[in-house]
Amino acid sequence: MDLEEIVQIETAQLQKAAEILKTVAHPVRLRIIDILEQGERSVNELCRLLNTAQPYTSQQLNLMKSKGILASRRDGNLMYYRVAHPSVVKVIHCVRQQ
């Protein structure tokens, strides 16, 4: 692999990291990640814990899922979410320490 290929790979990784940071840079989304750090939760549980309406909560969850931050599974008519990559939680912990 030559230097140009390495730079292209690093640039793509940095763009992905920036996209993730932009997406989570919102108080409700950060709180969702805090909650999901403890484990998988249903949309209804998240609404209750966040004291937010279901459509708003689902919108935030779907945005983070579309960026690869969260993963989901369906169980009957309930949708459960979890953090897709533990590295996202690590980054948020680092930011909080500053």
N, C-alpha and C. Protein backbone atom coordinates (compact mmCIF):
# COMPACT_ATOMS: atom_id res chain seq x y z
N MET A 1 0.85 -1.17 0.00
CA MET A 1 0.00 0.00 0.00
C MET A 1 0.90 1.24 0.00
N ASP A 2 0.62 2.15 -0.92
CA ASP A 2 1.44 3.36 -0.98
C ASP A 2 0.83 4.46 -0.11
N LEU A 3 1.56 5.54 0.02
CA LEU A 3 1.17 6.64 0.90
C LEU A 3 -0.19 7.23 0.50
N GLU A 4 -0.45 7.35 -0.78
CA GLU A 4 -1.72 7.92 -1.24
C GLU A 4 -2.90 7.06 -0.80
N GLU A 5 -2.74 5.75 -0.88
CA GLU A 5 -3.81 4.84 -0.44
C GLU A 5 -4.04 4.95 1.07
N ILE A 6 -2.95 5.07 1.82
CA ILE A 6 -3.06 5.22 3.27
C ILE A 6 -3.79 6.51 3.62
N VAL A 7 -3.45 7.59 2.94
CA VAL A 7 -4.10 8.88 3.19
C VAL A 7 -5.59 8.80 2.85
N GLN A 8 -5.94 8.12 1.76
CA GLN A 8 -7.35 7.98 1.39
C GLN A 8 -8.13 7.20 2.45
N ILE A 9 -7.52 6.13 2.96
CA ILE A 9 -8.17 5.34 4.00
C ILE A 9 -8.34 6.18 5.26
N GLU A 10 -7.28 6.88 5.66
CA GLU A 10 -7.36 7.71 6.86
C GLU A 10 -8.40 8.82 6.69
N THR A 11 -8.48 9.40 5.51
CA THR A 11 -9.46 10.45 5.24
C THR A 11 -10.88 9.90 5.37
N ALA A 12 -11.12 8.72 4.84
CA ALA A 12 -12.45 8.09 4.95
C ALA A 12 -12.79 7.80 6.41
N GLN A 13 -11.82 7.34 7.17
CA GLN A 13 -12.05 7.06 8.59
C GLN A 13 -12.34 8.34 9.37
N LEU A 14 -11.63 9.42 9.04
CA LEU A 14 -11.86 10.69 9.71
C LEU A 14 -13.23 11.26 9.35
N GLN A 15 -13.64 11.10 8.10
CA GLN A 15 -14.97 11.57 7.70
C GLN A 15 -16.05 10.80 8.45
N LYS A 16 -15.88 9.50 8.60
CA LYS A 16 -16.85 8.68 9.34
C LYS A 16 -16.89 9.12 10.80
N ALA A 17 -15.74 9.35 11.40
CA ALA A 17 -15.68 9.79 12.79
C ALA A 17 -16.37 11.15 12.96
N ALA A 18 -16.13 12.07 12.03
CA ALA A 18 -16.77 13.39 12.10
C ALA A 18 -18.28 13.27 11.97
N GLU A 19 -18.75 12.40 11.12
CA GLU A 19 -20.19 12.19 10.94
C GLU A 19 -20.82 11.65 12.23
N ILE A 20 -20.14 10.73 12.87
CA ILE A 20 -20.65 10.18 14.14
C ILE A 20 -20.69 11.27 15.21
N LEU A 21 -19.62 12.06 15.31
CA LEU A 21 -19.58 13.11 16.31
C LEU A 21 -20.67 14.15 16.07
N LYS A 22 -20.89 14.53 14.81
CA LYS A 22 -21.95 15.49 14.50
C LYS A 22 -23.32 14.93 14.89
N THR A 23 -23.51 13.65 14.66
CA THR A 23 -24.80 13.03 14.94
C THR A 23 -25.08 12.96 16.44
N VAL A 24 -24.11 12.59 17.23
CA VAL A 24 -24.35 12.44 18.67
C VAL A 24 -24.28 13.76 19.43
N ALA A 25 -23.85 14.82 18.78
CA ALA A 25 -23.70 16.12 19.43
C ALA A 25 -25.06 16.79 19.65
N HIS A 26 -25.89 16.14 20.45
CA HIS A 26 -27.24 16.61 20.75
C HIS A 26 -27.59 16.06 22.13
N PRO A 27 -28.14 16.88 23.03
CA PRO A 27 -28.38 16.41 24.40
C PRO A 27 -29.23 15.15 24.50
N VAL A 28 -30.29 15.06 23.73
CA VAL A 28 -31.16 13.87 23.82
C VAL A 28 -30.44 12.64 23.28
N ARG A 29 -29.71 12.81 22.21
CA ARG A 29 -28.98 11.66 21.64
C ARG A 29 -27.89 11.20 22.58
N LEU A 30 -27.22 12.13 23.23
CA LEU A 30 -26.20 11.75 24.22
C LEU A 30 -26.84 10.99 25.38
N ARG A 31 -28.00 11.44 25.80
CA ARG A 31 -28.70 10.76 26.89
C ARG A 31 -29.13 9.36 26.47
N ILE A 32 -29.58 9.22 25.23
CA ILE A 32 -29.96 7.89 24.71
C ILE A 32 -28.76 6.95 24.78
N ILE A 33 -27.62 7.43 24.36
CA ILE A 33 -26.42 6.59 24.39
C ILE A 33 -26.06 6.25 25.83
N ASP A 34 -26.20 7.21 26.75
CA ASP A 34 -25.96 6.92 28.17
C ASP A 34 -26.83 5.77 28.65
N ILE A 35 -28.11 5.84 28.30
CA ILE A 35 -29.05 4.81 28.74
C ILE A 35 -28.71 3.47 28.09
N LEU A 36 -28.43 3.49 26.80
CA LEU A 36 -28.17 2.24 26.09
C LEU A 36 -26.81 1.65 26.42
N GLU A 37 -25.94 2.45 27.02
CA GLU A 37 -24.66 1.91 27.48
C GLU A 37 -24.89 0.81 28.52
N GLN A 38 -25.99 0.93 29.26
CA GLN A 38 -26.33 -0.06 30.29
C GLN A 38 -26.98 -1.30 29.70
N GLY A 39 -27.38 -1.24 28.43
CA GLY A 39 -27.98 -2.39 27.78
C GLY A 39 -29.14 -2.00 26.88
N GLU A 40 -29.61 -2.97 26.17
CA GLU A 40 -30.69 -2.80 25.21
C GLU A 40 -31.97 -2.31 25.89
N ARG A 41 -32.69 -1.44 25.21
CA ARG A 41 -33.97 -0.91 25.72
C ARG A 41 -34.98 -0.80 24.59
N SER A 42 -36.25 -0.92 24.95
CA SER A 42 -37.31 -0.72 23.96
C SER A 42 -37.55 0.77 23.78
N VAL A 43 -38.20 1.11 22.68
CA VAL A 43 -38.55 2.51 22.43
C VAL A 43 -39.43 3.04 23.56
N ASN A 44 -40.39 2.23 24.01
CA ASN A 44 -41.26 2.67 25.10
C ASN A 44 -40.47 2.97 26.38
N GLU A 45 -39.51 2.12 26.70
CA GLU A 45 -38.68 2.36 27.89
C GLU A 45 -37.89 3.66 27.74
N LEU A 46 -37.33 3.85 26.56
CA LEU A 46 -36.55 5.07 26.31
C LEU A 46 -37.43 6.32 26.44
N CYS A 47 -38.63 6.27 25.88
CA CYS A 47 -39.55 7.41 25.99
C CYS A 47 -39.82 7.75 27.46
N ARG A 48 -40.07 6.72 28.24
CA ARG A 48 -40.35 6.92 29.66
C ARG A 48 -39.14 7.51 30.38
N LEU A 49 -37.96 6.96 30.14
CA LEU A 49 -36.75 7.42 30.81
C LEU A 49 -36.35 8.84 30.39
N LEU A 50 -36.60 9.16 29.13
CA LEU A 50 -36.24 10.48 28.60
C LEU A 50 -37.34 11.52 28.80
N ASN A 51 -38.54 11.02 29.13
CA ASN A 51 -39.71 11.89 29.22
C ASN A 51 -39.94 12.63 27.89
N THR A 52 -39.90 11.87 26.80
CA THR A 52 -40.11 12.41 25.46
C THR A 52 -41.22 11.64 24.76
N ALA A 53 -41.79 12.25 23.75
CA ALA A 53 -42.85 11.62 22.96
C ALA A 53 -42.26 10.54 22.06
N GLN A 54 -43.05 9.52 21.79
CA GLN A 54 -42.59 8.40 20.97
C GLN A 54 -42.12 8.83 19.58
N PRO A 55 -42.86 9.68 18.84
CA PRO A 55 -42.38 10.06 17.51
C PRO A 55 -41.02 10.75 17.54
N TYR A 56 -40.83 11.63 18.51
CA TYR A 56 -39.55 12.34 18.65
C TYR A 56 -38.42 11.37 18.98
N THR A 57 -38.68 10.49 19.92
CA THR A 57 -37.67 9.51 20.33
C THR A 57 -37.31 8.60 19.16
N SER A 58 -38.31 8.12 18.45
CA SER A 58 -38.07 7.25 17.29
C SER A 58 -37.25 7.96 16.22
N GLN A 59 -37.53 9.25 16.03
CA GLN A 59 -36.77 10.04 15.05
C GLN A 59 -35.28 10.07 15.43
N GLN A 60 -35.00 10.31 16.71
CA GLN A 60 -33.61 10.36 17.17
C GLN A 60 -32.94 8.99 17.04
N LEU A 61 -33.66 7.95 17.40
CA LEU A 61 -33.13 6.58 17.29
C LEU A 61 -32.85 6.21 15.85
N ASN A 62 -33.77 6.52 14.96
CA ASN A 62 -33.59 6.19 13.54
C ASN A 62 -32.42 6.94 12.93
N LEU A 63 -32.23 8.18 13.33
CA LEU A 63 -31.09 8.94 12.83
C LEU A 63 -29.78 8.27 13.24
N MET A 64 -29.68 7.92 14.51
CA MET A 64 -28.44 7.28 14.97
C MET A 64 -28.26 5.89 14.37
N LYS A 65 -29.36 5.20 14.14
CA LYS A 65 -29.27 3.89 13.49
C LYS A 65 -28.79 4.04 12.05
N SER A 66 -29.28 5.05 11.35
CA SER A 66 -28.89 5.26 9.95
C SER A 66 -27.40 5.59 9.81
N LYS A 67 -26.81 6.12 10.87
CA LYS A 67 -25.38 6.46 10.86
C LYS A 67 -24.52 5.33 11.41
N GLY A 68 -25.16 4.21 11.78
CA GLY A 68 -24.42 3.05 12.27
C GLY A 68 -24.04 3.13 13.74
N ILE A 69 -24.60 4.10 14.47
CA ILE A 69 -24.28 4.27 15.88
C ILE A 69 -25.06 3.29 16.73
N LEU A 70 -26.32 3.06 16.35
CA LEU A 70 -27.18 2.13 17.06
C LEU A 70 -27.57 0.96 16.16
N ALA A 71 -27.95 -0.12 16.80
CA ALA A 71 -28.51 -1.28 16.10
C ALA A 71 -29.86 -1.57 16.75
N SER A 72 -30.71 -2.29 16.04
CA SER A 72 -32.03 -2.57 16.60
C SER A 72 -32.46 -3.99 16.27
N ARG A 73 -33.47 -4.42 17.00
CA ARG A 73 -34.10 -5.70 16.71
C ARG A 73 -35.57 -5.57 17.08
N ARG A 74 -36.40 -6.32 16.39
CA ARG A 74 -37.84 -6.31 16.65
C ARG A 74 -38.21 -7.59 17.39
N ASP A 75 -39.07 -7.45 18.39
CA ASP A 75 -39.62 -8.58 19.12
C ASP A 75 -41.13 -8.36 19.16
N GLY A 76 -41.84 -9.02 18.28
CA GLY A 76 -43.28 -8.78 18.15
C GLY A 76 -43.49 -7.38 17.61
N ASN A 77 -44.24 -6.57 18.36
CA ASN A 77 -44.44 -5.20 17.90
C ASN A 77 -43.58 -4.20 18.68
N LEU A 78 -42.60 -4.70 19.42
CA LEU A 78 -41.67 -3.84 20.14
C LEU A 78 -40.34 -3.77 19.40
N MET A 79 -39.75 -2.58 19.37
CA MET A 79 -38.44 -2.38 18.77
C MET A 79 -37.46 -2.08 19.90
N TYR A 80 -36.35 -2.81 19.89
CA TYR A 80 -35.30 -2.65 20.89
C TYR A 80 -34.05 -2.07 20.24
N TYR A 81 -33.38 -1.18 20.95
CA TYR A 81 -32.16 -0.55 20.44
C TYR A 81 -31.00 -0.83 21.38
N ARG A 82 -29.80 -0.82 20.79
CA ARG A 82 -28.56 -0.98 21.54
C ARG A 82 -27.46 -0.20 20.81
N VAL A 83 -26.38 0.08 21.52
CA VAL A 83 -25.23 0.74 20.90
C VAL A 83 -24.56 -0.29 19.99
N ALA A 84 -24.34 0.10 18.74
CA ALA A 84 -23.77 -0.83 17.76
C ALA A 84 -22.26 -1.02 17.95
N HIS A 85 -21.58 0.06 18.35
CA HIS A 85 -20.12 -0.01 18.48
C HIS A 85 -19.70 0.60 19.82
N PRO A 86 -19.09 -0.19 20.69
CA PRO A 86 -18.64 0.32 21.99
C PRO A 86 -17.69 1.52 21.87
N SER A 87 -17.02 1.66 20.74
CA SER A 87 -16.09 2.77 20.57
C SER A 87 -16.80 4.12 20.64
N VAL A 88 -18.08 4.17 20.27
CA VAL A 88 -18.84 5.42 20.36
C VAL A 88 -18.94 5.84 21.83
N VAL A 89 -19.21 4.89 22.70
CA VAL A 89 -19.31 5.18 24.13
C VAL A 89 -17.97 5.66 24.66
N LYS A 90 -16.88 5.05 24.21
CA LYS A 90 -15.55 5.46 24.65
C LYS A 90 -15.26 6.91 24.27
N VAL A 91 -15.63 7.28 23.07
CA VAL A 91 -15.41 8.66 22.61
C VAL A 91 -16.20 9.64 23.47
N ILE A 92 -17.43 9.31 23.77
CA ILE A 92 -18.27 10.19 24.60
C ILE A 92 -17.68 10.31 26.00
N HIS A 93 -17.16 9.23 26.53
CA HIS A 93 -16.51 9.29 27.85
C HIS A 93 -15.30 10.22 27.81
N CYS A 94 -14.52 10.15 26.75
CA CYS A 94 -13.35 11.02 26.60
C CYS A 94 -13.76 12.49 26.55
N VAL A 95 -14.80 12.80 25.80
CA VAL A 95 -15.28 14.18 25.68
C VAL A 95 -15.76 14.69 27.03
N ARG A 96 -16.45 13.86 27.79
CA ARG A 96 -16.98 14.26 29.09
C ARG A 96 -15.86 14.60 30.09
N GLN A 97 -14.73 13.95 29.96
CA GLN A 97 -13.63 14.17 30.90
C GLN A 97 -12.99 15.53 30.71
N GLN A 98 -13.25 16.16 29.60
CA GLN A 98 -12.62 17.47 29.31
C GLN A 98 -13.38 18.59 29.90
